[in-house]
Each structure stands twice: as structure tokens, then as C-alpha cells.
């Protein structure tokens, strides 16, 4: 018998893809992060023909191996916001430059079953790029990000994604110590800017790659 877990999630992802497409997004379903990388490298990027490529913070994107593959291939001009040599204003400036890229890669904190992308950002560069700026946005989304609705999306982000990311980034916030959101006033608070994207405008600008495995937080 085929893997029932994969079958279950494939059914959920097919429905989510239909909702996304109804809302103006482009949506594709793949079974693994490796398949996502192949689809993006061999099909999506050639079809978009970008000159410049950049990315926002996303463990889902980096899990595919695309960061190094695209950066090192030499096929595109890279606006590398992950460059660890950058500090202070230089890092912020690089993030500003990324907003004018042809293709911008990121993940999403949550995806609702009716096809809404829900995100919460610290600085805002990632959600800014998702809403406006880059000519095309590619969102890599694992099945673990799929939730029934907006309330569950916001709860998932506050109760899980934000505390775990605060721990990962070693931020000086209460949730890093307790695992619980305190709606804090910490200078290193990562929960500052919400975005809820109900529709994609212009139609087809955002491409969502739905992956039938867990990716990121």
C-alpha cells in the first residue's frame, strides 16, 4: 500500500493549490525538497528569465539547497542578503536592493486552506518583498505550514514559529527562555509586522511551491 500519510497530505495540498490559484497565485505540488529544487532550477527560473535574484530569510528555501546552487552557478546577478560579511547599514542596504530583484525567494509562516499567505516579520524586508517590489516571488512552503484558517495561522505563528525562530536566532526575548509568547517589549522582538495576503496582485506574480514534507518552522 502507498504511504497513507503522503496520500493524505497530497489531497490537502491539491485543495490548497486550487485555493491559491483561485486567488491569483501560481501553485505547484512536489513530493520533496529535492524535487522542489529541480522544478525551480530546470523549469521555473528559465521561464521567468531573471537577471537579478535575491532571497529573504527562510529555512524552507535553504533546505532545498537552492541558495548555494543559485549563488554559485553564476547564471544570475545575485543580491545576497545572506552575506555574513555585511553588518549594520550595509546589511540593511542590501535588503533594500533585494526589493528590486527580478526573482525573490522566501518561505511563508503559514498558509490557510482558503489560499491566504500569513506572515509575521521582525524587520519587514521579507514581507515587503512579498507584497511589492520584486517582479516575481517564489514561496517554498512545506505541508506543515498548512492550517485551516486565519485564526489558526496567527496562533501557529505566535505559539510556535516565533518562539522557535527566536531560539534559533538566539534573540534576547522572553519566549526564547519559556517557549511562550509574552507580547514583549524586547528590543530584539521578532514579532513586529503582520501581513495577510488574500489575493495575488498582479495575478501570477507569486509562485507557491507546495512540498509534501515538513520544511522550516
Protein backbone atom coordinates (compact mmCIF):
# COMPACT_ATOMS: atom_id res chain seq x y z
CA UNK A 1 0.00 0.00 0.00
CA UNK A 2 1.18 3.52 -0.75
CA UNK A 3 2.21 5.72 2.17
CA UNK A 4 -1.13 6.90 3.65
CA UNK A 5 0.50 9.98 5.19
CA UNK A 6 1.78 11.11 1.80
CA UNK A 7 -1.62 10.43 0.24
CA UNK A 8 -3.41 12.38 2.97
CA UNK A 9 -1.15 15.39 2.63
CA UNK A 10 -1.25 15.27 -1.15
CA UNK A 11 -5.03 15.57 -1.00
CA UNK A 12 -4.71 18.56 1.34
CA UNK A 13 -2.07 20.18 -0.88
CA UNK A 14 -4.14 19.66 -4.03
CA UNK A 15 -7.01 21.51 -2.37
CA UNK A 16 -4.66 24.26 -1.15
CA UNK A 17 -3.18 24.63 -4.64
CA UNK A 18 -6.66 25.06 -6.06
CA UNK A 19 -7.44 27.76 -3.49
CA UNK A 20 -4.17 29.55 -4.25
CA UNK A 21 -4.82 29.51 -7.99
CA UNK A 22 -8.34 30.81 -7.43
CA UNK A 23 -6.73 33.72 -5.56
CA UNK A 24 -4.39 34.52 -8.43
CA UNK A 25 -1.25 32.66 -7.35
CA UNK A 26 0.68 30.12 -9.38
CA UNK A 27 0.90 26.86 -7.43
CA UNK A 28 2.82 23.62 -7.95
CA UNK A 29 2.98 20.48 -5.78
CA UNK A 30 6.15 18.41 -5.32
CA UNK A 31 6.91 15.46 -3.08
CA UNK A 32 10.26 16.55 -1.65
CA UNK A 33 12.65 19.46 -1.23
CA UNK A 34 14.90 17.87 -3.85
CA UNK A 35 12.02 17.82 -6.33
CA UNK A 36 11.29 21.45 -5.45
CA UNK A 37 14.88 22.40 -6.24
CA UNK A 38 14.76 20.59 -9.59
CA UNK A 39 11.46 22.22 -10.54
CA UNK A 40 12.72 25.68 -9.69
CA UNK A 41 16.13 25.32 -11.35
CA UNK A 42 15.04 23.49 -14.50
CA UNK A 43 11.58 24.92 -15.16
CA UNK A 44 10.60 27.98 -13.15
CA UNK A 45 13.75 30.09 -13.33
CA UNK A 46 14.24 29.53 -17.10
CA UNK A 47 10.60 30.51 -17.69
CA UNK A 48 10.99 33.72 -15.65
CA UNK A 49 14.39 34.55 -17.20
CA UNK A 50 15.58 36.81 -14.37
CA UNK A 51 18.66 38.99 -14.46
CA UNK A 52 18.77 39.53 -10.69
CA UNK A 53 17.89 37.04 -7.93
CA UNK A 54 17.62 37.51 -4.19
CA UNK A 55 16.01 35.98 -1.10
CA UNK A 56 14.54 36.63 2.30
CA UNK A 57 15.18 34.68 5.48
CA UNK A 58 13.73 31.19 5.01
CA UNK A 59 14.78 27.80 6.32
CA UNK A 60 12.41 26.21 3.80
CA UNK A 61 14.27 27.84 0.93
CA UNK A 62 17.74 26.99 2.25
CA UNK A 63 16.66 23.38 2.95
CA UNK A 64 16.24 22.84 -0.79
CA UNK A 65 19.93 23.58 -1.38
CA UNK A 66 18.96 26.32 -3.83
CA UNK A 67 20.82 29.08 -2.02
CA UNK A 68 24.24 27.66 -2.78
CA UNK A 69 23.18 26.20 -6.13
CA UNK A 70 21.91 29.51 -7.48
CA UNK A 71 24.56 31.68 -5.85
CA UNK A 72 27.45 29.56 -7.11
CA UNK A 73 26.13 28.82 -10.60
CA UNK A 74 26.98 32.26 -11.99
CA UNK A 75 23.85 32.38 -14.16
CA UNK A 76 22.34 35.46 -12.50
CA UNK A 77 23.32 38.63 -10.71
CA UNK A 78 22.92 37.77 -7.04
CA UNK A 79 21.77 40.26 -4.41
CA UNK A 80 22.94 38.17 -1.47
CA UNK A 81 21.12 39.19 1.70
CA UNK A 82 22.70 36.19 3.47
CA UNK A 83 26.22 37.59 3.07
CA UNK A 84 27.70 37.26 6.58
CA UNK A 85 30.38 39.86 5.88
CA UNK A 86 27.74 42.60 5.89
CA UNK A 87 26.94 44.48 9.08
CA UNK A 88 24.77 47.38 10.16
CA UNK A 89 23.67 49.78 7.44
CA UNK A 90 25.37 47.72 4.71
CA UNK A 91 23.14 44.76 5.57
CA UNK A 92 20.03 46.94 5.54
CA UNK A 93 21.04 48.48 2.21
CA UNK A 94 21.45 45.02 0.68
CA UNK A 95 17.93 44.17 1.80
CA UNK A 96 16.66 47.36 0.16
CA UNK A 97 18.39 46.39 -3.08
CA UNK A 98 16.74 42.96 -2.94
CA UNK A 99 13.34 44.64 -3.27
CA UNK A 100 14.20 45.47 -6.88
CA UNK A 101 15.20 41.93 -7.88
CA UNK A 102 13.58 40.02 -10.73
CA UNK A 103 13.03 36.89 -8.61
CA UNK A 104 12.84 36.81 -4.82
CA UNK A 105 12.82 33.54 -2.86
CA UNK A 106 11.25 33.13 0.56
CA UNK A 107 9.02 30.92 2.67
CA UNK A 108 5.78 31.60 4.49
CA UNK A 109 4.93 31.28 8.17
CA UNK A 110 1.51 29.88 7.39
CA UNK A 111 -0.83 29.05 4.51
CA UNK A 112 -4.57 28.81 5.10
CA UNK A 113 -6.75 26.24 3.38
CA UNK A 114 -8.54 29.04 1.51
CA UNK A 115 -5.23 30.16 -0.01
CA UNK A 116 -4.04 33.06 2.16
CA UNK A 117 -0.36 33.63 2.96
CA UNK A 118 0.10 34.78 6.57
CA UNK A 119 3.42 36.11 7.86
CA UNK A 120 4.96 37.93 10.81
CA UNK A 121 8.30 39.75 10.42
CA UNK A 122 10.86 41.46 12.61
CA UNK A 123 12.38 43.99 10.18
CA UNK A 124 9.78 43.77 7.42
CA UNK A 125 12.02 43.28 4.40
CA UNK A 126 10.71 39.76 3.73
CA UNK A 127 7.02 40.66 3.87
CA UNK A 128 7.68 43.90 1.98
CA UNK A 129 9.15 41.88 -0.89
CA UNK A 130 6.21 39.51 -0.85
CA UNK A 131 3.72 42.35 -1.23
CA UNK A 132 5.57 44.69 -3.62
CA UNK A 133 8.92 45.21 -5.33
CA UNK A 134 10.44 42.07 -6.84
CA UNK A 135 8.94 41.24 -10.22
CA UNK A 136 8.35 37.65 -9.18
CA UNK A 137 8.28 35.95 -5.78
CA UNK A 138 8.82 32.22 -5.23
CA UNK A 139 7.46 30.86 -1.94
CA UNK A 140 8.67 27.43 -0.81
CA UNK A 141 6.03 26.03 1.54
CA UNK A 142 6.18 22.72 3.42
CA UNK A 143 3.00 20.88 4.31
CA UNK A 144 3.49 21.74 8.00
CA UNK A 145 2.60 25.37 7.23
CA UNK A 146 -0.95 24.50 6.11
CA UNK A 147 -3.65 25.46 8.62
CA UNK A 148 -7.47 25.63 8.44
CA UNK A 149 -7.90 29.39 8.68
CA UNK A 150 -6.59 32.80 9.73
CA UNK A 151 -7.05 32.29 13.46
CA UNK A 152 -5.06 29.05 13.34
CA UNK A 153 -2.40 30.71 11.18
CA UNK A 154 -1.85 33.52 13.67
CA UNK A 155 -1.90 31.10 16.58
CA UNK A 156 0.64 28.84 14.87
CA UNK A 157 2.98 31.76 14.28
CA UNK A 158 2.74 33.22 17.79
CA UNK A 159 2.74 29.88 19.65
CA UNK A 160 5.35 28.05 17.60
CA UNK A 161 7.10 29.77 14.69
CA UNK A 162 8.10 32.94 16.54
CA UNK A 163 9.43 31.31 19.73
CA UNK A 164 11.35 28.66 17.81
CA UNK A 165 12.86 31.27 15.49
CA UNK A 166 13.79 33.43 18.48
CA UNK A 167 15.62 30.41 19.89
CA UNK A 168 17.29 29.68 16.55
CA UNK A 169 18.49 33.26 16.22
CA UNK A 170 19.46 33.48 19.91
CA UNK A 171 17.36 36.59 20.40
CA UNK A 172 17.08 38.18 23.84
CA UNK A 173 13.34 37.72 24.21
CA UNK A 174 11.21 36.05 26.91
CA UNK A 175 9.87 33.42 24.50
CA UNK A 176 13.41 32.20 23.89
CA UNK A 177 13.51 31.09 27.53
CA UNK A 178 9.92 29.98 28.05
CA UNK A 179 8.69 28.88 24.61
CA UNK A 180 5.60 31.04 25.17
CA UNK A 181 4.76 34.41 23.60
CA UNK A 182 4.73 37.21 26.19
CA UNK A 183 3.80 40.01 23.73
CA UNK A 184 7.08 41.51 24.89
CA UNK A 185 8.71 44.93 24.50
CA UNK A 186 12.17 43.49 23.94
CA UNK A 187 14.42 45.44 21.53
CA UNK A 188 15.07 42.10 19.83
CA UNK A 189 11.39 41.20 19.47
CA UNK A 190 10.88 39.45 16.11
CA UNK A 191 7.08 39.89 16.02
CA UNK A 192 6.54 43.35 14.55
CA UNK A 193 4.80 43.36 11.17
CA UNK A 194 1.88 41.15 10.14
CA UNK A 195 0.87 40.57 6.53
CA UNK A 196 -2.19 38.69 5.33
CA UNK A 197 -2.18 38.18 1.57
CA UNK A 198 -5.63 37.13 0.44
CA UNK A 199 -5.03 37.58 -3.28
CA UNK A 200 -2.03 37.82 -5.58
CA UNK A 201 -1.70 41.08 -7.49
CA UNK A 202 -0.82 41.19 -10.23
CA UNK A 203 -2.10 37.72 -10.98
CA UNK A 204 0.66 35.14 -11.25
CA UNK A 205 3.39 37.28 -9.66
CA UNK A 206 3.78 34.91 -6.69
CA UNK A 207 4.64 31.27 -7.31
CA UNK A 208 3.98 28.91 -4.41
CA UNK A 209 5.82 25.58 -4.40
CA UNK A 210 3.93 23.23 -2.08
CA UNK A 211 6.19 20.48 -0.73
CA UNK A 212 4.75 17.22 0.63
CA UNK A 213 7.10 17.12 3.60
CA UNK A 214 7.78 19.30 6.62
CA UNK A 215 10.06 22.27 5.99
CA UNK A 216 11.12 25.12 8.27
CA UNK A 217 9.25 26.46 11.26
